[in-house]
Structures are given as structure tokens and as C-alpha cells.
C-alpha atoms as a PDB file:
ATOM      1  CA  MET A   1     -20.980  32.497  63.416  1.00  0.00           C
ATOM      2  CA  LEU A   2     -19.090  30.830  66.300  1.00  0.00           C
ATOM      3  CA  PRO A   3     -18.716  27.028  66.277  1.00  0.00           C
ATOM      4  CA  ALA A   4     -21.258  25.300  68.512  1.00  0.00           C
ATOM      5  CA  VAL A   5     -18.764  24.471  71.296  1.00  0.00           C
ATOM      6  CA  ALA A   6     -17.360  28.011  71.427  1.00  0.00           C
ATOM      7  CA  ARG A   7     -20.853  29.503  71.286  1.00  0.00           C
ATOM      8  CA  ARG A   8     -21.967  27.347  74.224  1.00  0.00           C
ATOM      9  CA  HIS A   9     -18.895  28.417  76.250  1.00  0.00           C
ATOM     10  CA  VAL A  10     -19.685  32.097  75.701  1.00  0.00           C
ATOM     11  CA  LEU A  11     -23.348  31.532  76.517  1.00  0.00           C
ATOM     12  CA  LEU A  12     -22.686  29.710  79.783  1.00  0.00           C
ATOM     13  CA  THR A  13     -20.112  32.284  80.873  1.00  0.00           C
ATOM     14  CA  CYS A  14     -22.565  35.148  80.306  1.00  0.00           C
ATOM     15  CA  VAL A  15     -25.481  33.353  81.935  1.00  0.00           C
ATOM     16  CA  ALA A  16     -23.442  32.398  84.995  1.00  0.00           C
ATOM     17  CA  ALA A  17     -22.418  36.031  85.463  1.00  0.00           C
ATOM     18  CA  ALA A  18     -26.047  37.152  85.329  1.00  0.00           C
ATOM     19  CA  LEU A  19     -27.342  34.758  87.972  1.00  0.00           C
ATOM     20  CA  PRO A  20     -26.952  35.080  91.757  1.00  0.00           C
ATOM     21  CA  VAL A  21     -25.154  31.743  92.223  1.00  0.00           C
ATOM     22  CA  PRO A  22     -23.516  29.283  89.796  1.00  0.00           C
ATOM     23  CA  PHE A  23     -26.037  26.896  88.342  1.00  0.00           C
ATOM     24  CA  PRO A  24     -25.398  23.186  88.861  1.00  0.00           C
ATOM     25  CA  ALA A  25     -24.408  20.831  86.095  1.00  0.00           C
ATOM     26  CA  LEU A  26     -27.021  18.290  85.085  1.00  0.00           C
ATOM     27  CA  ALA A  27     -26.472  15.079  87.032  1.00  0.00           C
ATOM     28  CA  GLN A  28     -25.331  11.966  85.209  1.00  0.00           C
ATOM     29  CA  GLY A  29     -28.314   9.732  84.528  1.00  0.00           C
ATOM     30  CA  ALA A  30     -30.813  12.471  85.342  1.00  0.00           C
ATOM     31  CA  ALA A  31     -34.140  12.421  83.557  1.00  0.00           C
ATOM     32  CA  ALA A  32     -34.213  14.329  80.291  1.00  0.00           C
ATOM     33  CA  PRO A  33     -35.350  17.911  80.983  1.00  0.00           C
ATOM     34  CA  ASP A  34     -38.611  19.196  79.604  1.00  0.00           C
ATOM     35  CA  VAL A  35     -37.060  21.683  77.189  1.00  0.00           C
ATOM     36  CA  LEU A  36     -40.331  23.301  76.128  1.00  0.00           C
ATOM     37  CA  LEU A  37     -41.428  23.850  79.719  1.00  0.00           C
ATOM     38  CA  GLN A  38     -38.050  25.373  80.581  1.00  0.00           C
ATOM     39  CA  ALA A  39     -38.398  27.719  77.598  1.00  0.00           C
ATOM     40  CA  VAL A  40     -41.760  28.838  79.000  1.00  0.00           C
ATOM     41  CA  VAL A  41     -40.191  29.382  82.434  1.00  0.00           C
ATOM     42  CA  LEU A  42     -37.536  31.576  80.823  1.00  0.00           C
ATOM     43  CA  ARG A  43     -39.997  33.518  78.673  1.00  0.00           C
ATOM     44  CA  VAL A  44     -42.396  34.221  81.526  1.00  0.00           C
ATOM     45  CA  GLY A  45     -39.643  34.727  84.086  1.00  0.00           C
ATOM     46  CA  MET A  46     -37.875  37.404  82.067  1.00  0.00           C
ATOM     47  CA  GLU A  47     -41.146  39.282  81.559  1.00  0.00           C
ATOM     48  CA  ARG A  48     -41.786  39.082  85.284  1.00  0.00           C
ATOM     49  CA  LEU A  49     -38.303  40.279  86.251  1.00  0.00           C
ATOM     50  CA  VAL A  50     -38.696  43.424  84.139  1.00  0.00           C
ATOM     51  CA  LYS A  51     -42.130  44.064  85.643  1.00  0.00           C
ATOM     52  CA  LEU A  52     -40.726  43.549  89.145  1.00  0.00           C
ATOM     53  CA  GLU A  53     -37.847  45.946  88.486  1.00  0.00           C
ATOM     54  CA  LEU A  54     -40.275  48.675  87.399  1.00  0.00           C
ATOM     55  CA  GLU A  55     -42.564  47.804  90.292  1.00  0.00           C
ATOM     56  CA  ARG A  56     -39.625  48.222  92.688  1.00  0.00           C
ATOM     57  CA  ARG A  57     -38.948  51.711  91.364  1.00  0.00           C
ATOM     58  CA  VAL A  58     -42.566  52.813  91.693  1.00  0.00           C
ATOM     59  CA  LEU A  59     -43.823  51.148  94.878  1.00  0.00           C
ATOM     60  CA  GLN A  60     -40.459  51.006  96.661  1.00  0.00           C
ATOM     61  CA  HIS A  61     -41.289  48.014  98.822  1.00  0.00           C
ATOM     62  CA  SER A  62     -39.530  44.737  99.557  1.00  0.00           C
ATOM     63  CA  ARG A  63     -42.059  42.496  97.792  1.00  0.00           C
ATOM     64  CA  ALA A  64     -40.613  43.167  94.363  1.00  0.00           C
ATOM     65  CA  VAL A  65     -37.038  42.620  95.547  1.00  0.00           C
ATOM     66  CA  LEU A  66     -37.797  39.297  97.251  1.00  0.00           C
ATOM     67  CA  ALA A  67     -39.894  38.074  94.335  1.00  0.00           C
ATOM     68  CA  ALA A  68     -37.141  38.981  91.861  1.00  0.00           C
ATOM     69  CA  ASP A  69     -34.574  36.990  93.852  1.00  0.00           C
ATOM     70  CA  LYS A  70     -36.808  33.910  93.757  1.00  0.00           C
ATOM     71  CA  GLU A  71     -37.475  34.384  90.041  1.00  0.00           C
ATOM     72  CA  ARG A  72     -33.745  34.496  89.263  1.00  0.00           C
ATOM     73  CA  GLN A  73     -33.325  31.177  91.035  1.00  0.00           C
ATOM     74  CA  ARG A  74     -36.052  29.622  88.883  1.00  0.00           C
ATOM     75  CA  LEU A  75     -34.296  30.853  85.760  1.00  0.00           C
ATOM     76  CA  GLN A  76     -31.087  29.000  86.618  1.00  0.00           C
ATOM     77  CA  ARG A  77     -32.379  25.614  85.531  1.00  0.00           C
ATOM     78  CA  ALA A  78     -34.126  26.993  82.458  1.00  0.00           C
ATOM     79  CA  MET A  79     -31.010  28.745  81.144  1.00  0.00           C
ATOM     80  CA  GLU A  80     -28.806  25.718  81.813  1.00  0.00           C
ATOM     81  CA  VAL A  81     -31.174  23.400  79.919  1.00  0.00           C
ATOM     82  CA  LEU A  82     -31.699  25.717  76.970  1.00  0.00           C
ATOM     83  CA  GLY A  83     -27.991  26.496  76.730  1.00  0.00           C
ATOM     84  CA  GLY A  84     -27.181  22.865  75.927  1.00  0.00           C
ATOM     85  CA  PRO A  85     -27.896  20.626  72.929  1.00  0.00           C
ATOM     86  CA  ILE A  86     -31.612  20.300  72.184  1.00  0.00           C
ATOM     87  CA  LYS A  87     -33.034  17.127  70.689  1.00  0.00           C
ATOM     88  CA  GLY A  88     -34.725  17.795  67.368  1.00  0.00           C
ATOM     89  CA  LEU A  89     -32.888  21.069  66.745  1.00  0.00           C
ATOM     90  CA  ALA A  90     -29.631  21.632  64.940  1.00  0.00           C
ATOM     91  CA  GLY A  91     -27.704  24.270  63.066  1.00  0.00           C
ATOM     92  CA  ARG A  92     -29.409  27.607  62.608  1.00  0.00           C
ATOM     93  CA  ARG A  93     -32.478  26.931  64.758  1.00  0.00           C
ATOM     94  CA  GLU A  94     -30.423  25.664  67.699  1.00  0.00           C
ATOM     95  CA  ALA A  95     -28.145  28.695  67.372  1.00  0.00           C
ATOM     96  CA  GLN A  96     -31.200  30.991  67.456  1.00  0.00           C
ATOM     97  CA  VAL A  97     -32.414  29.386  70.685  1.00  0.00           C
ATOM     98  CA  GLN A  98     -28.993  29.726  72.287  1.00  0.00           C
ATOM     99  CA  ARG A  99     -28.706  33.323  71.085  1.00  0.00           C
ATOM    100  CA  ALA A 100     -32.024  34.109  72.790  1.00  0.00           C
ATOM    101  CA  VAL A 101     -30.727  32.593  76.040  1.00  0.00           C
ATOM    102  CA  LEU A 102     -27.581  34.689  75.735  1.00  0.00           C
ATOM    103  CA  ASP A 103     -29.704  37.811  75.187  1.00  0.00           C
ATOM    104  CA  ALA A 104     -31.706  36.941  78.313  1.00  0.00           C
ATOM    105  CA  GLY A 105     -28.478  36.714  80.300  1.00  0.00           C
ATOM    106  CA  GLU A 106     -27.397  40.114  79.030  1.00  0.00           C
ATOM    107  CA  LEU A 107     -30.708  41.723  79.982  1.00  0.00           C
ATOM    108  CA  LEU A 108     -30.433  40.219  83.465  1.00  0.00           C
ATOM    109  CA  GLN A 109     -27.312  42.300  83.931  1.00  0.00           C
ATOM    110  CA  GLN A 110     -28.970  45.474  82.642  1.00  0.00           C
ATOM    111  CA  LEU A 111     -32.234  45.653  84.594  1.00  0.00           C
ATOM    112  CA  ARG A 112     -31.301  49.008  86.159  1.00  0.00           C
ATOM    113  CA  GLN A 113     -31.230  50.859  82.819  1.00  0.00           C
ATOM    114  CA  PRO A 114     -33.668  53.760  82.109  1.00  0.00           C
ATOM    115  CA  VAL A 115     -37.346  52.888  81.715  1.00  0.00           C
ATOM    116  CA  ASP A 116     -37.601  53.389  77.939  1.00  0.00           C
ATOM    117  CA  ALA A 117     -34.444  51.371  77.260  1.00  0.00           C
ATOM    118  CA  LEU A 118     -35.489  48.589  79.642  1.00  0.00           C
ATOM    119  CA  VAL A 119     -38.957  48.252  78.139  1.00  0.00           C
ATOM    120  CA  GLY A 120     -37.571  48.311  74.604  1.00  0.00           C
ATOM    121  CA  ALA A 121     -34.983  45.641  75.380  1.00  0.00           C
ATOM    122  CA  SER A 122     -37.558  43.464  77.119  1.00  0.00           C
ATOM    123  CA  GLU A 123     -39.962  43.700  74.185  1.00  0.00           C
ATOM    124  CA  ALA A 124     -37.220  42.660  71.754  1.00  0.00           C
ATOM    125  CA  LEU A 125     -36.284  39.743  74.008  1.00  0.00           C
ATOM    126  CA  ALA A 126     -39.933  38.731  74.426  1.00  0.00           C
ATOM    127  CA  ALA A 127     -40.256  38.403  70.653  1.00  0.00           C
ATOM    128  CA  ARG A 128     -37.177  36.176  70.501  1.00  0.00           C
ATOM    129  CA  LEU A 129     -38.294  34.013  73.412  1.00  0.00           C
ATOM    130  CA  GLY A 130     -41.739  33.712  71.829  1.00  0.00           C
ATOM    131  CA  PHE A 131     -39.981  32.343  68.748  1.00  0.00           C
ATOM    132  CA  VAL A 132     -38.137  29.866  70.986  1.00  0.00           C
ATOM    133  CA  THR A 133     -41.312  28.420  72.540  1.00  0.00           C
ATOM    134  CA  THR A 134     -43.000  28.227  69.127  1.00  0.00           C
ATOM    135  CA  THR A 135     -39.951  26.494  67.636  1.00  0.00           C
ATOM    136  CA  LEU A 136     -39.750  23.959  70.455  1.00  0.00           C
ATOM    137  CA  SER A 137     -43.500  23.333  70.233  1.00  0.00           C
ATOM    138  CA  GLY A 138     -42.963  22.395  66.608  1.00  0.00           C
ATOM    139  CA  VAL A 139     -40.489  19.609  67.414  1.00  0.00           C
ATOM    140  CA  ALA A 140     -42.270  18.254  70.514  1.00  0.00           C
ATOM    141  CA  SER A 141     -43.413  14.631  70.399  1.00  0.00           C
ATOM    142  CA  ASP A 142     -46.854  15.448  71.843  1.00  0.00           C
ATOM    143  CA  GLY A 143     -48.257  18.159  69.611  1.00  0.00           C
ATOM    144  CA  ASP A 144     -51.457  18.751  71.584  1.00  0.00           C
ATOM    145  CA  ARG A 145     -49.575  19.178  74.852  1.00  0.00           C
ATOM    146  CA  ALA A 146     -47.049  21.472  73.190  1.00  0.00           C
ATOM    147  CA  THR A 147     -49.809  23.651  71.763  1.00  0.00           C
ATOM    148  CA  LEU A 148     -51.419  23.990  75.199  1.00  0.00           C
ATOM    149  CA  ILE A 149     -48.122  24.861  76.885  1.00  0.00           C
ATOM    150  CA  ASP A 150     -47.315  27.473  74.249  1.00  0.00           C
ATOM    151  CA  LEU A 151     -50.786  28.948  74.746  1.00  0.00           C
ATOM    152  CA  LEU A 152     -50.286  29.081  78.520  1.00  0.00           C
ATOM    153  CA  ALA A 153     -46.953  30.812  77.962  1.00  0.00           C
ATOM    154  CA  ARG A 154     -48.693  33.514  75.927  1.00  0.00           C
ATOM    155  CA  ALA A 155     -51.363  33.971  78.598  1.00  0.00           C
ATOM    156  CA  SER A 156     -48.781  34.278  81.391  1.00  0.00           C
ATOM    157  CA  ALA A 157     -46.493  36.597  79.446  1.00  0.00           C
ATOM    158  CA  SER A 158     -49.300  38.907  78.286  1.00  0.00           C
ATOM    159  CA  ALA A 159     -50.612  39.323  81.847  1.00  0.00           C
ATOM    160  CA  LEU A 160     -47.137  40.257  83.067  1.00  0.00           C
ATOM    161  CA  ARG A 161     -46.611  42.518  80.059  1.00  0.00           C
ATOM    162  CA  LEU A 162     -49.757  44.400  81.065  1.00  0.00           C
ATOM    163  CA  GLY A 163     -48.290  44.861  84.538  1.00  0.00           C
ATOM    164  CA  LYS A 164     -44.988  45.957  83.019  1.00  0.00           C
ATOM    165  CA  TYR A 165     -46.619  48.730  81.010  1.00  0.00           C
ATOM    166  CA  ASN A 166     -48.588  49.933  84.015  1.00  0.00           C
ATOM    167  CA  PHE A 167     -45.408  50.343  86.019  1.00  0.00           C
ATOM    168  CA  ALA A 168     -43.508  51.780  83.050  1.00  0.00           C
ATOM    169  CA  ALA A 169     -46.140  54.505  82.780  1.00  0.00           C
ATOM    170  CA  ALA A 170     -45.945  55.209  86.512  1.00  0.00           C
ATOM    171  CA  ALA A 171     -42.134  55.151  86.586  1.00  0.00           C
ATOM    172  CA  ALA A 172     -41.947  57.603  83.693  1.00  0.00           C
ATOM    173  CA  GLY A 173     -44.406  59.908  85.423  1.00  0.00           C
ATOM    174  CA  LEU A 174     -46.915  60.002  82.587  1.00  0.00           C
ATOM    175  CA  ALA A 175     -49.196  57.751  80.554  1.00  0.00           C
ATOM    176  CA  SER A 176     -48.059  58.327  76.983  1.00  0.00           C
ATOM    177  CA  ALA A 177     -50.172  57.300  74.028  1.00  0.00           C
ATOM    178  CA  ASP A 178     -47.652  54.601  73.099  1.00  0.00           C
ATOM    179  CA  VAL A 179     -47.757  53.068  76.568  1.00  0.00           C
ATOM    180  CA  ALA A 180     -51.560  53.122  76.598  1.00  0.00           C
ATOM    181  CA  VAL A 181     -51.705  51.421  73.185  1.00  0.00           C
ATOM    182  CA  SER A 182     -49.306  48.718  74.374  1.00  0.00           C
ATOM    183  CA  ALA A 183     -51.338  48.212  77.549  1.00  0.00           C
ATOM    184  CA  GLN A 184     -54.549  47.910  75.535  1.00  0.00           C
ATOM    185  CA  GLN A 185     -52.886  45.391  73.219  1.00  0.00           C
ATOM    186  CA  SER A 186     -51.778  43.350  76.233  1.00  0.00           C
ATOM    187  CA  VAL A 187     -55.348  43.314  77.543  1.00  0.00           C
ATOM    188  CA  GLY A 188     -56.592  42.023  74.198  1.00  0.00           C
ATOM    189  CA  GLU A 189     -53.839  39.405  73.952  1.00  0.00           C
ATOM    190  CA  PHE A 190     -54.523  38.141  77.439  1.00  0.00           C
ATOM    191  CA  ARG A 191     -58.289  37.941  76.961  1.00  0.00           C
ATOM    192  CA  ALA A 192     -57.825  35.969  73.744  1.00  0.00           C
ATOM    193  CA  ALA A 193     -55.291  33.612  75.338  1.00  0.00           C
ATOM    194  CA  LEU A 194     -57.476  33.071  78.421  1.00  0.00           C
ATOM    195  CA  ALA A 195     -60.485  32.269  76.236  1.00  0.00           C
ATOM    196  CA  SER A 196     -58.404  29.786  74.230  1.00  0.00           C
ATOM    197  CA  VAL A 197     -57.186  28.090  77.406  1.00  0.00           C
ATOM    198  CA  ALA A 198     -60.782  27.842  78.657  1.00  0.00           C
ATOM    199  CA  ALA A 199     -61.706  26.037  75.432  1.00  0.00           C
ATOM    200  CA  GLN A 200     -59.095  23.303  76.043  1.00  0.00           C
ATOM    201  CA  ARG A 201     -59.804  19.914  77.565  1.00  0.00           C
ATOM    202  CA  LEU A 202     -58.462  20.283  81.102  1.00  0.00           C
ATOM    203  CA  ASP A 203     -58.584  17.952  84.086  1.00  0.00           C
ATOM    204  CA  GLU A 204     -60.166  18.983  87.381  1.00  0.00           C
ATOM    205  CA  ARG A 205     -56.924  20.447  88.774  1.00  0.00           C
ATOM    206  CA  GLY A 206     -56.381  22.337  85.539  1.00  0.00           C
ATOM    207  CA  ARG A 207     -59.889  23.790  85.749  1.00  0.00           C
ATOM    208  CA  GLN A 208     -59.118  24.962  89.282  1.00  0.00           C
ATOM    209  CA  ASP A 209     -55.981  26.748  88.087  1.00  0.00           C
ATOM    210  CA  LEU A 210     -57.960  28.301  85.264  1.00  0.00           C
ATOM    211  CA  GLN A 211     -60.648  29.470  87.697  1.00  0.00           C
ATOM    212  CA  LEU A 212     -57.996  31.102  89.887  1.00  0.00           C
ATOM    213  CA  ALA A 213     -56.646  32.978  86.873  1.00  0.00           C
ATOM    214  CA  GLN A 214     -60.147  34.033  85.812  1.00  0.00           C
ATOM    215  CA  ASN A 215     -60.912  35.304  89.326  1.00  0.00           C
ATOM    216  CA  GLN A 216     -57.702  37.318  89.398  1.00  0.00           C
ATOM    217  CA  TRP A 217     -58.483  38.727  85.962  1.00  0.00           C
ATOM    218  CA  LEU A 218     -61.905  39.854  87.230  1.00  0.00           C
ATOM    219  CA  LEU A 219     -60.186  41.695  90.085  1.00  0.00           C
ATOM    220  CA  LEU A 220     -57.613  43.208  87.740  1.00  0.00           C
ATOM    221  CA  SER A 221     -60.287  44.345  85.270  1.00  0.00           C
ATOM    222  CA  GLN A 222     -61.906  46.405  88.023  1.00  0.00           C
ATOM    223  CA  VAL A 223     -58.609  48.202  88.629  1.00  0.00           C
ATOM    224  CA  LEU A 224     -57.933  49.104  84.994  1.00  0.00           C
ATOM    225  CA  GLY A 225     -59.382  51.963  83.001  1.00  0.00           C
ATOM    226  CA  PRO A 226     -60.260  51.858  79.266  1.00  0.00           C
ATOM    227  CA  SER A 227     -56.613  52.533  78.412  1.00  0.00           C
ATOM    228  CA  GLY A 228     -55.473  49.326  80.095  1.00  0.00           C
ATOM    229  CA  LEU A 229     -53.709  51.375  82.790  1.00  0.00           C
ATOM    230  CA  ALA A 230     -54.660  51.577  86.469  1.00  0.00           C
ATOM    231  CA  LYS A 231     -57.454  54.018  87.222  1.00  0.00           C
ATOM    232  CA  ALA A 232     -55.419  55.572  90.036  1.00  0.00           C
ATOM    233  CA  PRO A 233     -51.832  55.276  91.341  1.00  0.00           C
ATOM    234  CA  GLU A 234     -53.019  53.743  94.606  1.00  0.00           C
ATOM    235  CA  ARG A 235     -54.383  50.760  92.607  1.00  0.00           C
ATOM    236  CA  LEU A 236     -50.942  49.797  91.283  1.00  0.00           C
ATOM    237  CA  ALA A 237     -50.288  47.433  94.201  1.00  0.00           C
ATOM    238  CA  GLU A 238     -53.295  45.432  93.018  1.00  0.00           C
ATOM    239  CA  VAL A 239     -51.877  45.360  89.491  1.00  0.00           C
ATOM    240  CA  ALA A 240     -48.629  43.996  90.939  1.00  0.00           C
ATOM    241  CA  THR A 241     -50.198  41.076  92.786  1.00  0.00           C
ATOM    242  CA  THR A 242     -52.979  40.103  90.379  1.00  0.00           C
ATOM    243  CA  THR A 243     -50.707  39.918  87.318  1.00  0.00           C
ATOM    244  CA  ASP A 244     -48.269  37.736  89.278  1.00  0.00           C
ATOM    245  CA  ARG A 245     -51.046  35.419  90.460  1.00  0.00           C
ATOM    246  CA  ILE A 246     -52.459  35.056  86.962  1.00  0.00           C
ATOM    247  CA  ALA A 247     -49.048  34.107  85.611  1.00  0.00           C
ATOM    248  CA  GLU A 248     -48.466  31.628  88.459  1.00  0.00           C
ATOM    249  CA  SER A 249     -51.811  29.924  87.812  1.00  0.00           C
ATOM    250  CA  MET A 250     -51.048  29.556  84.112  1.00  0.00           C
ATOM    251  CA  LEU A 251     -47.559  28.216  84.840  1.00  0.00           C
ATOM    252  CA  ALA A 252     -48.941  25.715  87.352  1.00  0.00           C
ATOM    253  CA  LEU A 253     -51.263  24.456  84.640  1.00  0.00           C
ATOM    254  CA  ALA A 254     -48.367  24.217  82.168  1.00  0.00           C
ATOM    255  CA  ARG A 255     -46.242  22.182  84.597  1.00  0.00           C
ATOM    256  CA  ARG A 256     -48.979  19.569  84.895  1.00  0.00           C
ATOM    257  CA  ALA A 257     -49.902  19.501  81.205  1.00  0.00           C
END
């Protein structure tokens, strides 16, 4: 394994190449970054970028392109923070976090690969980034807050994953059994995560964000068939917007947690 300094140099070089503009160094005296929240931004953002890439191929409109550009900008800060030393982590666990960030940077450069390869790579990365948020939750000073943020990350990511599989099926020109199973699993994961969030003690603003997500889920449910895929191709635009709005509502709640 590379020494920590050399590993960080490789990581930052790869990440910088994957992003649209160089990310800024952290200012001297700046407040300590919220590492867990940045891990959630990275986890959800990578899931969204893959969904947007597949959406672009299917719907062929500018929305996906513009949204992807904005999402890349949000990832700059997250990848810079997670690429540096992390309080409470050392050795193998810190190396695993930095390896996941490096893998995210590599996938950013490979978003135009074939559908099957892209989905497979994104699923592997999602598992690693899920490990990152769970690991950082375990070393957070406020355990209750960390648990809520990790839960919100799962809700956001599963909603976007559902959108990803809908567009993967459309991009491939067929709804295979494997894609349908994955879509159904995403529906189940999201429902469970949303119910768990609803059971948390939230302030009034948090309840408003939750209500927005629940309303969008109601709209999305009407679009989906029993397989978890859109009932008709013309409903895919609704899948695109509702999954994004659900994820945004969950992230807004996480930022204020």
C-alpha cells in the first residue's frame, strides 16, 4: 500500500482531473468541515450523476446536462474534504475512505461507458461509499445526528438508484428481469428509509422537507408499475424530476440536522 502522503497525492491528482475546474484549497483558519455530511454529498451526488448520464441518453434534453454540471461542482468540496486527513480515522480505515474517493474520481471520467458497465461500476462504488458514510457515522461525536444523516443518505441514494434503473432499462431498450429486480429492491429500500426518517424527531422545517419528499414519492408511485419501472416511456420525464426532488429534500434535511 502507498504511504499516506503519496496516496493523497495520487488521489488529488485523479480527482482534479475528473472535475470541471480545480478545487480550491481549504482556507487557513476555516471552520472544520463536516466530514460526514460531505461523505453523504459524495455518495448521493455520484448516484445522481450516473442517473443523469443515463437520463441524458434516453430523454436527450438539456436538463440532465445542466444538472450534471451543477452536481459536479457540488462534488468538488466533498472530494477535497474526504481526500484529506480525517479526525478519528487512521491507517486502514482512512485508506479505505480515500480509496473510495479515488474510485469516485475514476468513475467521473468514465460516465460515457456502455450501460451495463456504467451501472455495474456505479453499484460497486455505491457499496464503497455506503461503507464510508457508515464508518464516519461510527466516529462522529453526536451519534444520534450521525444516525439520522446516514439514514437520509440511504433514502436519497435509493430514490436516485430507482431512477437510475429506470433509465438503464430504457437506454438498453428492454426491461430485463435483473433490472426489474433491482428496481423493486430500490423501491423497498426507499420505502423503508422514508418510514424510518418519518419516525425520527424532526423540527418543523425538517417535517416540511419530509412532507415534500413524501408528496414526490406519491407522484412517483403513480408512475411506476409493479416491477418498479415506469408504466410507459412517456412517464420517464416524471421519474427524472421526482427522484431528483426526493433526493434534494432528504439532503436539505441532512444539512440542517
